[in-house]
Amino acid sequence: ERFELDPERVRLLPAGVLILEAVGDALGLALKIGNGG
């Protein structure tokens, strides 16, 4: 409700964050959020 996101997305988000953190650390670069996929 606070961030205007779907509750199911928020439940999954910590896992997504941890994966992004692991990849960013392995690459040695900060990831920028893209506009497409």
Full PDB file with SEQRES, HELIX, SHEET, SSBOND, CRYST1, ORIGX, SCALE, CONECT and MASTER records, all heavy atoms in Angstrom:
SEQRES   1 A   37  GLU ARG PHE GLU LEU ASP PRO GLU ARG VAL ARG LEU LEU          
SEQRES   2 A   37  PRO ALA GLY VAL LEU ILE LEU GLU ALA VAL GLY ASP ALA          
SEQRES   3 A   37  LEU GLY LEU ALA LEU LYS ILE GLY ASN GLY GLY                  
HELIX    1 AA1 PRO A    7  LEU A   27  1                                  21    
CRYST1    1.000    1.000    1.000  90.00  90.00  90.00 P 1           1          
ORIGX1      1.000000  0.000000  0.000000        0.00000                         
ORIGX2      0.000000  1.000000  0.000000        0.00000                         
ORIGX3      0.000000  0.000000  1.000000        0.00000                         
SCALE1      1.000000  0.000000  0.000000        0.00000                         
SCALE2      0.000000  1.000000  0.000000        0.00000                         
SCALE3      0.000000  0.000000  1.000000        0.00000                         
ATOM      1  N   GLU A   1       0.826  -1.202   0.000  1.00  0.00           N  
ATOM      2  CA  GLU A   1       0.000   0.000   0.000  1.00  0.00           C  
ATOM      3  C   GLU A   1       0.865   1.259   0.000  1.00  0.00           C  
ATOM      4  O   GLU A   1       0.582   2.214  -0.728  1.00  0.00           O  
ATOM      5  CB  GLU A   1      -0.918  -0.003   1.219  1.00  0.00           C  
ATOM      6  CG  GLU A   1      -1.886   1.175   1.253  1.00  0.00           C  
ATOM      7  CD  GLU A   1      -2.857   1.081   2.405  1.00  0.00           C  
ATOM      8  OE1 GLU A   1      -2.797   0.091   3.170  1.00  0.00           O  
ATOM      9  OE2 GLU A   1      -3.689   2.003   2.539  1.00  0.00           O  
ATOM     10  N   ARG A   2       1.942   1.231   0.768  1.00  0.00           N  
ATOM     11  CA  ARG A   2       2.811   2.407   0.874  1.00  0.00           C  
ATOM     12  C   ARG A   2       3.483   2.738  -0.450  1.00  0.00           C  
ATOM     13  O   ARG A   2       3.589   3.913  -0.820  1.00  0.00           O  
ATOM     14  CB  ARG A   2       3.865   2.138   1.942  1.00  0.00           C  
ATOM     15  CG  ARG A   2       4.885   3.255   2.120  1.00  0.00           C  
ATOM     16  CD  ARG A   2       5.826   2.921   3.265  1.00  0.00           C  
ATOM     17  NE  ARG A   2       6.960   3.808   3.327  1.00  0.00           N  
ATOM     18  CZ  ARG A   2       7.985   3.656   4.156  1.00  0.00           C  
ATOM     19  NH1 ARG A   2       7.993   2.639   5.005  1.00  0.00           N  
ATOM     20  NH2 ARG A   2       8.995   4.504   4.134  1.00  0.00           N  
ATOM     21  N   PHE A   3       3.937   1.709  -1.172  1.00  0.00           N  
ATOM     22  CA  PHE A   3       4.685   1.948  -2.411  1.00  0.00           C  
ATOM     23  C   PHE A   3       3.868   1.681  -3.669  1.00  0.00           C  
ATOM     24  O   PHE A   3       4.410   1.680  -4.767  1.00  0.00           O  
ATOM     25  CB  PHE A   3       5.952   1.081  -2.419  1.00  0.00           C  
ATOM     26  CG  PHE A   3       6.978   1.525  -1.417  1.00  0.00           C  
ATOM     27  CD1 PHE A   3       7.083   0.871  -0.189  1.00  0.00           C  
ATOM     28  CD2 PHE A   3       7.811   2.601  -1.675  1.00  0.00           C  
ATOM     29  CE1 PHE A   3       8.024   1.274   0.748  1.00  0.00           C  
ATOM     30  CE2 PHE A   3       8.756   3.009  -0.750  1.00  0.00           C  
ATOM     31  CZ  PHE A   3       8.859   2.358   0.465  1.00  0.00           C  
ATOM     32  N   GLU A   4       2.579   1.424  -3.518  1.00  0.00           N  
ATOM     33  CA  GLU A   4       1.667   1.196  -4.639  1.00  0.00           C  
ATOM     34  C   GLU A   4       2.141   0.031  -5.508  1.00  0.00           C  
ATOM     35  O   GLU A   4       2.274   0.136  -6.726  1.00  0.00           O  
ATOM     36  CB  GLU A   4       1.505   2.473  -5.477  1.00  0.00           C  
ATOM     37  CG  GLU A   4       0.895   3.626  -4.692  1.00  0.00           C  
ATOM     38  CD  GLU A   4       0.730   4.880  -5.518  1.00  0.00           C  
ATOM     39  OE1 GLU A   4       1.403   4.992  -6.562  1.00  0.00           O  
ATOM     40  OE2 GLU A   4      -0.062   5.744  -5.136  1.00  0.00           O  
ATOM     41  N   LEU A   5       2.419  -1.082  -4.849  1.00  0.00           N  
ATOM     42  CA  LEU A   5       2.833  -2.308  -5.519  1.00  0.00           C  
ATOM     43  C   LEU A   5       1.858  -3.427  -5.186  1.00  0.00           C  
ATOM     44  O   LEU A   5       1.099  -3.341  -4.213  1.00  0.00           O  
ATOM     45  CB  LEU A   5       4.242  -2.717  -5.060  1.00  0.00           C  
ATOM     46  CG  LEU A   5       5.387  -1.785  -5.440  1.00  0.00           C  
ATOM     47  CD1 LEU A   5       6.656  -2.172  -4.691  1.00  0.00           C  
ATOM     48  CD2 LEU A   5       5.632  -1.803  -6.942  1.00  0.00           C  
ATOM     49  N   ASP A   6       1.869  -4.472  -5.980  1.00  0.00           N  
ATOM     50  CA  ASP A   6       1.032  -5.634  -5.697  1.00  0.00           C  
ATOM     51  C   ASP A   6       1.595  -6.370  -4.484  1.00  0.00           C  
ATOM     52  O   ASP A   6       2.807  -6.574  -4.378  1.00  0.00           O  
ATOM     53  CB  ASP A   6       1.030  -6.564  -6.927  1.00  0.00           C  
ATOM     54  CG  ASP A   6       0.003  -7.664  -6.799  1.00  0.00           C  
ATOM     55  OD1 ASP A   6       0.217  -8.579  -5.976  1.00  0.00           O  
ATOM     56  OD2 ASP A   6      -1.005  -7.618  -7.526  1.00  0.00           O  
ATOM     57  N   PRO A   7       0.743  -6.783  -3.531  1.00  0.00           N  
ATOM     58  CA  PRO A   7       1.250  -7.504  -2.353  1.00  0.00           C  
ATOM     59  C   PRO A   7       2.063  -8.746  -2.702  1.00  0.00           C  
ATOM     60  O   PRO A   7       3.043  -9.062  -2.021  1.00  0.00           O  
ATOM     61  CB  PRO A   7      -0.029  -7.865  -1.583  1.00  0.00           C  
ATOM     62  CG  PRO A   7      -1.024  -6.835  -1.992  1.00  0.00           C  
ATOM     63  CD  PRO A   7      -0.711  -6.530  -3.424  1.00  0.00           C  
ATOM     64  N   GLU A   8       1.677  -9.451  -3.761  1.00  0.00           N  
ATOM     65  CA  GLU A   8       2.431 -10.643  -4.154  1.00  0.00           C  
ATOM     66  C   GLU A   8       3.823 -10.265  -4.649  1.00  0.00           C  
ATOM     67  O   GLU A   8       4.805 -10.956  -4.367  1.00  0.00           O  
ATOM     68  CB  GLU A   8       1.680 -11.420  -5.241  1.00  0.00           C  
ATOM     69  CG  GLU A   8       2.339 -12.729  -5.651  1.00  0.00           C  
ATOM     70  CD  GLU A   8       2.383 -13.773  -4.536  1.00  0.00           C  
ATOM     71  OE1 GLU A   8       1.720 -13.591  -3.504  1.00  0.00           O  
ATOM     72  OE2 GLU A   8       3.093 -14.782  -4.706  1.00  0.00           O  
ATOM     73  N   ARG A   9       3.931  -9.138  -5.349  1.00  0.00           N  
ATOM     74  CA  ARG A   9       5.254  -8.676  -5.779  1.00  0.00           C  
ATOM     75  C   ARG A   9       6.120  -8.329  -4.577  1.00  0.00           C  
ATOM     76  O   ARG A   9       7.308  -8.662  -4.548  1.00  0.00           O  
ATOM     77  CB  ARG A   9       5.112  -7.463  -6.699  1.00  0.00           C  
ATOM     78  CG  ARG A   9       6.433  -6.767  -7.058  1.00  0.00           C  
ATOM     79  CD  ARG A   9       7.423  -7.716  -7.697  1.00  0.00           C  
ATOM     80  NE  ARG A   9       6.985  -8.158  -8.998  1.00  0.00           N  
ATOM     81  CZ  ARG A   9       7.529  -9.186  -9.658  1.00  0.00           C  
ATOM     82  NH1 ARG A   9       8.494  -9.891  -9.099  1.00  0.00           N  
ATOM     83  NH2 ARG A   9       7.086  -9.538 -10.852  1.00  0.00           N  
ATOM     84  N   VAL A  10       5.533  -7.686  -3.570  1.00  0.00           N  
ATOM     85  CA  VAL A  10       6.308  -7.326  -2.381  1.00  0.00           C  
ATOM     86  C   VAL A  10       6.771  -8.587  -1.649  1.00  0.00           C  
ATOM     87  O   VAL A  10       7.891  -8.639  -1.131  1.00  0.00           O  
ATOM     88  CB  VAL A  10       5.490  -6.412  -1.445  1.00  0.00           C  
ATOM     89  CG1 VAL A  10       6.256  -6.139  -0.157  1.00  0.00           C  
ATOM     90  CG2 VAL A  10       5.163  -5.103  -2.149  1.00  0.00           C  
ATOM     91  N   ARG A  11       5.951  -9.628  -1.632  1.00  0.00           N  
ATOM     92  CA  ARG A  11       6.345 -10.877  -0.975  1.00  0.00           C  
ATOM     93  C   ARG A  11       7.550 -11.502  -1.679  1.00  0.00           C  
ATOM     94  O   ARG A  11       8.437 -12.080  -1.031  1.00  0.00           O  
ATOM     95  CB  ARG A  11       5.182 -11.871  -0.968  1.00  0.00           C  
ATOM     96  CG  ARG A  11       5.404 -13.054  -0.027  1.00  0.00           C  
ATOM     97  CD  ARG A  11       4.337 -14.116  -0.176  1.00  0.00           C  
ATOM     98  NE  ARG A  11       4.545 -14.936  -1.356  1.00  0.00           N  
ATOM     99  CZ  ARG A  11       5.435 -15.930  -1.436  1.00  0.00           C  
ATOM    100  NH1 ARG A  11       6.249 -16.180  -0.418  1.00  0.00           N  
ATOM    101  NH2 ARG A  11       5.546 -16.647  -2.535  1.00  0.00           N  
ATOM    102  N   LEU A  12       7.606 -11.374  -3.001  1.00  0.00           N  
ATOM    103  CA  LEU A  12       8.695 -11.953  -3.782  1.00  0.00           C  
ATOM    104  C   LEU A  12       9.926 -11.057  -3.828  1.00  0.00           C  
ATOM    105  O   LEU A  12      11.035 -11.522  -4.111  1.00  0.00           O  
ATOM    106  CB  LEU A  12       8.220 -12.204  -5.223  1.00  0.00           C  
ATOM    107  CG  LEU A  12       7.099 -13.216  -5.420  1.00  0.00           C  
ATOM    108  CD1 LEU A  12       6.542 -13.110  -6.826  1.00  0.00           C  
ATOM    109  CD2 LEU A  12       7.603 -14.617  -5.147  1.00  0.00           C  
ATOM    110  N   LEU A  13       9.738  -9.782  -3.529  1.00  0.00           N  
ATOM    111  CA  LEU A  13      10.789  -8.797  -3.765  1.00  0.00           C  
ATOM    112  C   LEU A  13      12.068  -9.032  -2.960  1.00  0.00           C  
ATOM    113  O   LEU A  13      13.169  -8.850  -3.503  1.00  0.00           O  
ATOM    114  CB  LEU A  13      10.236  -7.394  -3.509  1.00  0.00           C  
ATOM    115  CG  LEU A  13      10.966  -6.216  -4.168  1.00  0.00           C  
ATOM    116  CD1 LEU A  13      11.254  -6.472  -5.628  1.00  0.00           C  
ATOM    117  CD2 LEU A  13      10.135  -4.942  -3.998  1.00  0.00           C  
ATOM    118  N   PRO A  14      12.010  -9.434  -1.670  1.00  0.00           N  
ATOM    119  CA  PRO A  14      13.275  -9.675  -0.973  1.00  0.00           C  
ATOM    120  C   PRO A  14      14.164 -10.686  -1.690  1.00  0.00           C  
ATOM    121  O   PRO A  14      15.384 -10.519  -1.757  1.00  0.00           O  
ATOM    122  CB  PRO A  14      12.830 -10.191   0.397  1.00  0.00           C  
ATOM    123  CG  PRO A  14      11.464  -9.630   0.592  1.00  0.00           C  
ATOM    124  CD  PRO A  14      10.848  -9.615  -0.775  1.00  0.00           C  
ATOM    125  N   ALA A  15      13.558 -11.726  -2.244  1.00  0.00           N  
ATOM    126  CA  ALA A  15      14.334 -12.726  -2.981  1.00  0.00           C  
ATOM    127  C   ALA A  15      14.951 -12.104  -4.231  1.00  0.00           C  
ATOM    128  O   ALA A  15      16.124 -12.351  -4.548  1.00  0.00           O  
ATOM    129  CB  ALA A  15      13.441 -13.906  -3.355  1.00  0.00           C  
ATOM    130  N   GLY A  16      14.174 -11.295  -4.951  1.00  0.00           N  
ATOM    131  CA  GLY A  16      14.710 -10.628  -6.131  1.00  0.00           C  
ATOM    132  C   GLY A  16      15.859  -9.700  -5.787  1.00  0.00           C  
ATOM    133  O   GLY A  16      16.870  -9.637  -6.503  1.00  0.00           O  
ATOM    134  N   VAL A  17      15.720  -8.979  -4.676  1.00  0.00           N  
ATOM    135  CA  VAL A  17      16.779  -8.065  -4.232  1.00  0.00           C  
ATOM    136  C   VAL A  17      18.060  -8.839  -3.944  1.00  0.00           C  
ATOM    137  O   VAL A  17      19.166  -8.424  -4.332  1.00  0.00           O  
ATOM    138  CB  VAL A  17      16.340  -7.271  -2.988  1.00  0.00           C  
ATOM    139  CG1 VAL A  17      17.511  -6.487  -2.403  1.00  0.00           C  
ATOM    140  CG2 VAL A  17      15.200  -6.327  -3.325  1.00  0.00           C  
ATOM    141  N   LEU A  18      17.948  -9.973  -3.266  1.00  0.00           N  
ATOM    142  CA  LEU A  18      19.127 -10.756  -2.906  1.00  0.00           C  
ATOM    143  C   LEU A  18      19.834 -11.310  -4.142  1.00  0.00           C  
ATOM    144  O   LEU A  18      21.068 -11.401  -4.183  1.00  0.00           O  
ATOM    145  CB  LEU A  18      18.737 -11.883  -1.951  1.00  0.00           C  
ATOM    146  CG  LEU A  18      18.276 -11.421  -0.571  1.00  0.00           C  
ATOM    147  CD1 LEU A  18      17.726 -12.599   0.230  1.00  0.00           C  
ATOM    148  CD2 LEU A  18      19.413 -10.750   0.192  1.00  0.00           C  
ATOM    149  N   ILE A  19      19.067 -11.668  -5.166  1.00  0.00           N  
ATOM    150  CA  ILE A  19      19.678 -12.132  -6.417  1.00  0.00           C  
ATOM    151  C   ILE A  19      20.396 -10.978  -7.112  1.00  0.00           C  
ATOM    152  O   ILE A  19      21.542 -11.113  -7.571  1.00  0.00           O  
ATOM    153  CB  ILE A  19      18.618 -12.759  -7.342  1.00  0.00           C  
ATOM    154  CG1 ILE A  19      18.032 -14.021  -6.701  1.00  0.00           C  
ATOM    155  CG2 ILE A  19      19.233 -13.105  -8.706  1.00  0.00           C  
ATOM    156  CD1 ILE A  19      16.825 -14.577  -7.420  1.00  0.00           C  
ATOM    157  N   LEU A  20      19.739  -9.828  -7.185  1.00  0.00           N  
ATOM    158  CA  LEU A  20      20.377  -8.664  -7.799  1.00  0.00           C  
ATOM    159  C   LEU A  20      21.642  -8.264  -7.048  1.00  0.00           C  
ATOM    160  O   LEU A  20      22.652  -7.890  -7.661  1.00  0.00           O  
ATOM    161  CB  LEU A  20      19.386  -7.500  -7.836  1.00  0.00           C  
ATOM    162  CG  LEU A  20      18.227  -7.649  -8.826  1.00  0.00           C  
ATOM    163  CD1 LEU A  20      17.126  -6.629  -8.517  1.00  0.00           C  
ATOM    164  CD2 LEU A  20      18.716  -7.471 -10.259  1.00  0.00           C  
ATOM    165  N   GLU A  21      21.593  -8.332  -5.728  1.00  0.00           N  
ATOM    166  CA  GLU A  21      22.759  -8.008  -4.909  1.00  0.00           C  
ATOM    167  C   GLU A  21      23.907  -8.978  -5.215  1.00  0.00           C  
ATOM    168  O   GLU A  21      25.068  -8.557  -5.386  1.00  0.00           O  
ATOM    169  CB  GLU A  21      22.394  -8.091  -3.433  1.00  0.00           C  
ATOM    170  CG  GLU A  21      23.535  -7.792  -2.478  1.00  0.00           C  
ATOM    171  CD  GLU A  21      23.105  -7.980  -1.030  1.00  0.00           C  
ATOM    172  OE1 GLU A  21      22.917  -9.151  -0.610  1.00  0.00           O  
ATOM    173  OE2 GLU A  21      22.940  -6.971  -0.335  1.00  0.00           O  
ATOM    174  N   ALA A  22      23.597 -10.275  -5.300  1.00  0.00           N  
ATOM    175  CA  ALA A  22      24.624 -11.276  -5.568  1.00  0.00           C  
ATOM    176  C   ALA A  22      25.252 -11.077  -6.944  1.00  0.00           C  
ATOM    177  O   ALA A  22      26.474 -11.182  -7.103  1.00  0.00           O  
ATOM    178  CB  ALA A  22      24.028 -12.683  -5.448  1.00  0.00           C  
ATOM    179  N   VAL A  23      24.420 -10.770  -7.946  1.00  0.00           N  
ATOM    180  CA  VAL A  23      24.954 -10.565  -9.297  1.00  0.00           C  
ATOM    181  C   VAL A  23      25.787  -9.286  -9.352  1.00  0.00           C  
ATOM    182  O   VAL A  23      26.875  -9.262  -9.929  1.00  0.00           O  
ATOM    183  CB  VAL A  23      23.816 -10.509 -10.335  1.00  0.00           C  
ATOM    184  CG1 VAL A  23      24.379 -10.188 -11.718  1.00  0.00           C  
ATOM    185  CG2 VAL A  23      23.058 -11.821 -10.383  1.00  0.00           C  
ATOM    186  N   GLY A  24      25.275  -8.204  -8.762  1.00  0.00           N  
ATOM    187  CA  GLY A  24      26.022  -6.950  -8.752  1.00  0.00           C  
ATOM    188  C   GLY A  24      27.378  -7.107  -8.080  1.00  0.00           C  
ATOM    189  O   GLY A  24      28.397  -6.605  -8.574  1.00  0.00           O  
ATOM    190  N   ASP A  25      27.403  -7.831  -6.960  1.00  0.00           N  
ATOM    191  CA  ASP A  25      28.672  -8.066  -6.265  1.00  0.00           C  
ATOM    192  C   ASP A  25      29.618  -8.896  -7.137  1.00  0.00           C  
ATOM    193  O   ASP A  25      30.827  -8.638  -7.182  1.00  0.00           O  
ATOM    194  CB  ASP A  25      28.429  -8.782  -4.937  1.00  0.00           C  
ATOM    195  CG  ASP A  25      27.782  -7.873  -3.892  1.00  0.00           C  
ATOM    196  OD1 ASP A  25      27.694  -6.652  -4.130  1.00  0.00           O  
ATOM    197  OD2 ASP A  25      27.357  -8.397  -2.839  1.00  0.00           O  
ATOM    198  N   ALA A  26      29.071  -9.901  -7.821  1.00  0.00           N  
ATOM    199  CA  ALA A  26      29.911 -10.758  -8.665  1.00  0.00           C  
ATOM    200  C   ALA A  26      30.467  -9.999  -9.864  1.00  0.00           C  
ATOM    201  O   ALA A  26      31.608 -10.231 -10.288  1.00  0.00           O  
ATOM    202  CB  ALA A  26      29.109 -11.978  -9.138  1.00  0.00           C  
ATOM    203  N   LEU A  27      29.673  -9.086 -10.417  1.00  0.00           N  
ATOM    204  CA  LEU A  27      30.118  -8.293 -11.565  1.00  0.00           C  
ATOM    205  C   LEU A  27      31.026  -7.143 -11.138  1.00  0.00           C  
ATOM    206  O   LEU A  27      31.784  -6.618 -11.956  1.00  0.00           O  
ATOM    207  CB  LEU A  27      28.916  -7.729 -12.335  1.00  0.00           C  
ATOM    208  CG  LEU A  27      28.007  -8.737 -13.037  1.00  0.00           C  
ATOM    209  CD1 LEU A  27      26.812  -8.007 -13.660  1.00  0.00           C  
ATOM    210  CD2 LEU A  27      28.765  -9.513 -14.105  1.00  0.00           C  
ATOM    211  N   GLY A  28      30.896  -6.713  -9.892  1.00  0.00           N  
ATOM    212  CA  GLY A  28      31.689  -5.593  -9.408  1.00  0.00           C  
ATOM    213  C   GLY A  28      31.194  -4.250  -9.893  1.00  0.00           C  
ATOM    214  O   GLY A  28      31.953  -3.279  -9.934  1.00  0.00           O  
ATOM    215  N   LEU A  29      29.907  -4.182 -10.258  1.00  0.00           N  
ATOM    216  CA  LEU A  29      29.316  -2.937 -10.742  1.00  0.00           C  
ATOM    217  C   LEU A  29      27.930  -2.755 -10.141  1.00  0.00           C  
ATOM    218  O   LEU A  29      27.203  -3.732  -9.934  1.00  0.00           O  
ATOM    219  CB  LEU A  29      29.164  -2.946 -12.269  1.00  0.00           C  
ATOM    220  CG  LEU A  29      30.373  -2.603 -13.139  1.00  0.00           C  
ATOM    221  CD1 LEU A  29      29.979  -2.723 -14.601  1.00  0.00           C  
ATOM    222  CD2 LEU A  29      30.877  -1.201 -12.848  1.00  0.00           C  
ATOM    223  N   ALA A  30      27.550  -1.496  -9.896  1.00  0.00           N  
ATOM    224  CA  ALA A  30      26.169  -1.212  -9.499  1.00  0.00           C  
ATOM    225  C   ALA A  30      25.268  -1.376 -10.718  1.00  0.00           C  
ATOM    226  O   ALA A  30      25.616  -0.959 -11.822  1.00  0.00           O  
ATOM    227  CB  ALA A  30      26.066   0.209  -8.953  1.00  0.00           C  
ATOM    228  N   LEU A  31      24.113  -2.003 -10.515  1.00  0.00           N  
ATOM    229  CA  LEU A  31      23.160  -2.199 -11.604  1.00  0.00           C  
ATOM    230  C   LEU A  31      22.225  -0.996 -11.697  1.00  0.00           C  
ATOM    231  O   LEU A  31      21.712  -0.531 -10.683  1.00  0.00           O  
ATOM    232  CB  LEU A  31      22.334  -3.462 -11.355  1.00  0.00           C  
ATOM    233  CG  LEU A  31      23.095  -4.760 -11.092  1.00  0.00           C  
ATOM    234  CD1 LEU A  31      22.126  -5.874 -10.725  1.00  0.00           C  
ATOM    235  CD2 LEU A  31      23.915  -5.155 -12.302  1.00  0.00           C  
ATOM    236  N   LYS A  32      22.002  -0.524 -12.910  1.00  0.00           N  
ATOM    237  CA  LYS A  32      20.997   0.511 -13.119  1.00  0.00           C  
ATOM    238  C   LYS A  32      19.705  -0.161 -13.576  1.00  0.00           C  
ATOM    239  O   LYS A  32      19.743  -1.136 -14.334  1.00  0.00           O  
ATOM    240  CB  LYS A  32      21.473   1.517 -14.168  1.00  0.00           C  
ATOM    241  CG  LYS A  32      22.706   2.304 -13.739  1.00  0.00           C  
ATOM    242  CD  LYS A  32      23.060   3.362 -14.770  1.00  0.00           C  
ATOM    243  CE  LYS A  32      24.323   4.119 -14.358  1.00  0.00           C  
ATOM    244  NZ  LYS A  32      24.147   4.868 -13.111  1.00  0.00           N  
ATOM    245  N   ILE A  33      18.570   0.335 -13.122  1.00  0.00           N  
ATOM    246  CA  ILE A  33      17.293  -0.258 -13.510  1.00  0.00           C  
ATOM    247  C   ILE A  33      16.991   0.118 -14.956  1.00  0.00           C  
ATOM    248  O   ILE A  33      16.985   1.298 -15.319  1.00  0.00           O  
ATOM    249  CB  ILE A  33      16.158   0.211 -12.586  1.00  0.00           C  
ATOM    250  CG1 ILE A  33      16.450  -0.224 -11.147  1.00  0.00           C  
ATOM    251  CG2 ILE A  33      14.818  -0.355 -13.056  1.00  0.00           C  
ATOM    252  CD1 ILE A  33      15.438   0.281 -10.140  1.00  0.00           C  
ATOM    253  N   GLY A  34      16.752  -0.884 -15.788  1.00  0.00           N  
ATOM    254  CA  GLY A  34      16.481  -0.656 -17.200  1.00  0.00           C  
ATOM    255  C   GLY A  34      15.021  -0.314 -17.462  1.00  0.00           C  
ATOM    256  O   GLY A  34      14.163  -0.399 -16.575  1.00  0.00           O  
ATOM    257  N   ASN A  35      14.754   0.033 -18.701  1.00  0.00           N  
ATOM    258  CA  ASN A  35      13.395   0.386 -19.120  1.00  0.00           C  
ATOM    259  C   ASN A  35      12.735  -0.692 -19.974  1.00  0.00           C  
ATOM    260  O   ASN A  35      11.603  -0.509 -20.420  1.00  0.00           O  
ATOM    261  CB  ASN A  35      13.423   1.702 -19.913  1.00  0.00           C  
ATOM    262  CG  ASN A  35      13.947   2.860 -19.097  1.00  0.00           C  
ATOM    263  OD1 ASN A  35      13.522   3.071 -17.964  1.00  0.00           O  
ATOM    264  ND2 ASN A  35      14.895   3.609 -19.645  1.00  0.00           N  
ATOM    265  N   GLY A  36      13.442  -1.774 -20.207  1.00  0.00           N  
ATOM    266  CA  GLY A  36      12.879  -2.819 -21.061  1.00  0.00           C  
ATOM    267  C   GLY A  36      13.530  -4.147 -20.777  1.00  0.00           C  
ATOM    268  O   GLY A  36      14.533  -4.239 -20.061  1.00  0.00           O  
ATOM    269  N   GLY A  37      12.946  -5.208 -21.352  1.00  0.00           N  
ATOM    270  CA  GLY A  37      13.456  -6.552 -21.154  1.00  0.00           C  
ATOM    271  C   GLY A  37      12.914  -7.472 -22.221  1.00  0.00           C  
ATOM    272  O   GLY A  37      12.820  -7.112 -23.396  1.00  0.00           O  
TER     273      GLY A  37                                                      
MASTER        0    0    0    1    0    0    0    6  272    1    0    3          
END                                                                             
